[in-house]
Amino acid sequence: MSAPLTVTLPAGERPMIAVVHAVPGHEEQLAAAIATLTTAVRREPGCVEFRSFREVANPRVFQLYEIYSDTDGFRTHRPDPARRTA
């Protein structure tokens, strides 16, 4: 097993864009989950901005635009893989 990679990033905000594709037939379920996620993430310390968009041309595709105050703010947002449940 290799050691975890450690990366040092310059100080400053951490923008991120995520593209999420809904499983066919589950578009509205995903839209509702993203709405709930948006409300929760906006309350997180370190979250500067969190917006979600749904593509008009392809309503199965959602884009999440996120900005965190710094690397620690982003790390707070990201769940620890050890705590994830399937």
Protein backbone atom coordinates (compact mmCIF):
# COMPACT_ATOMS: atom_id res chain seq x y z
CA MET A 1 0.00 0.00 0.00
CA SER A 2 1.40 3.40 -0.94
CA ALA A 3 1.41 6.47 1.27
CA PRO A 4 -1.33 9.08 0.66
CA LEU A 5 -0.38 11.90 -1.68
CA THR A 6 0.08 15.25 0.05
CA VAL A 7 -0.33 18.36 -2.07
CA THR A 8 0.33 21.91 -0.93
CA LEU A 9 -1.78 24.47 -2.75
CA PRO A 10 -1.33 28.24 -2.79
CA ALA A 11 -3.54 30.24 -0.43
CA GLY A 12 -6.89 31.50 -1.66
CA GLU A 13 -10.37 30.53 -2.67
CA ARG A 14 -11.06 27.07 -4.13
CA PRO A 15 -13.54 27.15 -7.02
CA MET A 16 -14.97 23.93 -8.39
CA ILE A 17 -17.44 22.87 -11.05
CA ALA A 18 -19.06 19.45 -10.93
CA VAL A 19 -21.16 17.95 -13.71
CA VAL A 20 -23.70 15.34 -12.61
CA HIS A 21 -25.70 13.12 -14.98
CA ALA A 22 -29.01 11.69 -13.74
CA VAL A 23 -29.86 8.07 -14.41
CA PRO A 24 -32.69 8.07 -17.00
CA GLY A 25 -36.02 8.25 -15.22
CA HIS A 26 -34.51 9.70 -12.03
CA GLU A 27 -34.05 13.32 -13.11
CA GLU A 28 -36.59 14.78 -10.68
CA GLN A 29 -35.26 12.68 -7.81
CA LEU A 30 -31.76 14.02 -8.47
CA ALA A 31 -33.08 17.59 -8.81
CA ALA A 32 -34.71 17.30 -5.37
CA ALA A 33 -31.53 15.85 -3.84
CA ILE A 34 -29.44 18.67 -5.33
CA ALA A 35 -31.88 21.26 -3.93
CA THR A 36 -31.48 19.73 -0.46
CA LEU A 37 -27.70 19.57 -0.91
CA THR A 38 -27.58 23.21 -1.99
CA THR A 39 -29.32 24.38 1.18
CA ALA A 40 -27.03 22.29 3.40
CA VAL A 41 -23.77 23.21 1.69
CA ARG A 42 -24.51 26.94 1.81
CA ARG A 43 -24.56 26.63 5.63
CA GLU A 44 -21.12 25.00 5.79
CA PRO A 45 -18.24 27.04 7.18
CA GLY A 46 -15.95 27.92 4.31
CA CYS A 47 -18.64 27.88 1.63
CA VAL A 48 -18.52 31.18 -0.25
CA GLU A 49 -20.94 30.19 -3.01
CA PHE A 50 -22.86 27.11 -4.12
CA ARG A 51 -25.18 27.21 -7.13
CA SER A 52 -26.79 24.48 -9.14
CA PHE A 53 -27.92 24.65 -12.75
CA ARG A 54 -29.90 22.24 -14.88
CA GLU A 55 -29.19 22.14 -18.58
CA VAL A 56 -32.17 23.18 -20.70
CA ALA A 57 -31.02 21.17 -23.73
CA ASN A 58 -30.42 18.04 -21.65
CA PRO A 59 -32.41 18.01 -18.39
CA ARG A 60 -30.52 14.92 -17.19
CA VAL A 61 -27.40 17.08 -16.74
CA PHE A 62 -26.83 19.27 -13.68
CA GLN A 63 -23.89 21.56 -13.05
CA LEU A 64 -22.78 22.53 -9.56
CA TYR A 65 -20.72 25.71 -9.18
CA GLU A 66 -18.94 25.89 -5.85
CA ILE A 67 -16.45 28.26 -4.21
CA TYR A 68 -14.82 27.57 -0.85
CA SER A 69 -12.85 30.12 1.15
CA ASP A 70 -9.72 28.00 1.14
CA THR A 71 -8.46 24.43 1.06
CA ASP A 72 -9.65 23.79 4.62
CA GLY A 73 -13.15 24.99 3.69
CA PHE A 74 -13.21 22.54 0.79
CA ARG A 75 -11.90 19.71 2.96
CA THR A 76 -14.65 20.40 5.48
CA HIS A 77 -17.19 20.08 2.67
CA ARG A 78 -15.76 16.82 1.33
CA PRO A 79 -16.86 13.82 3.35
CA ASP A 80 -14.13 11.62 4.73
CA PRO A 81 -14.10 8.45 2.57
CA ALA A 82 -13.88 6.41 5.79
CA ARG A 83 -17.28 7.79 6.88
CA ARG A 84 -19.12 7.25 3.58
CA THR A 85 -21.94 4.77 3.42
CA ALA A 86 -23.06 2.95 0.29
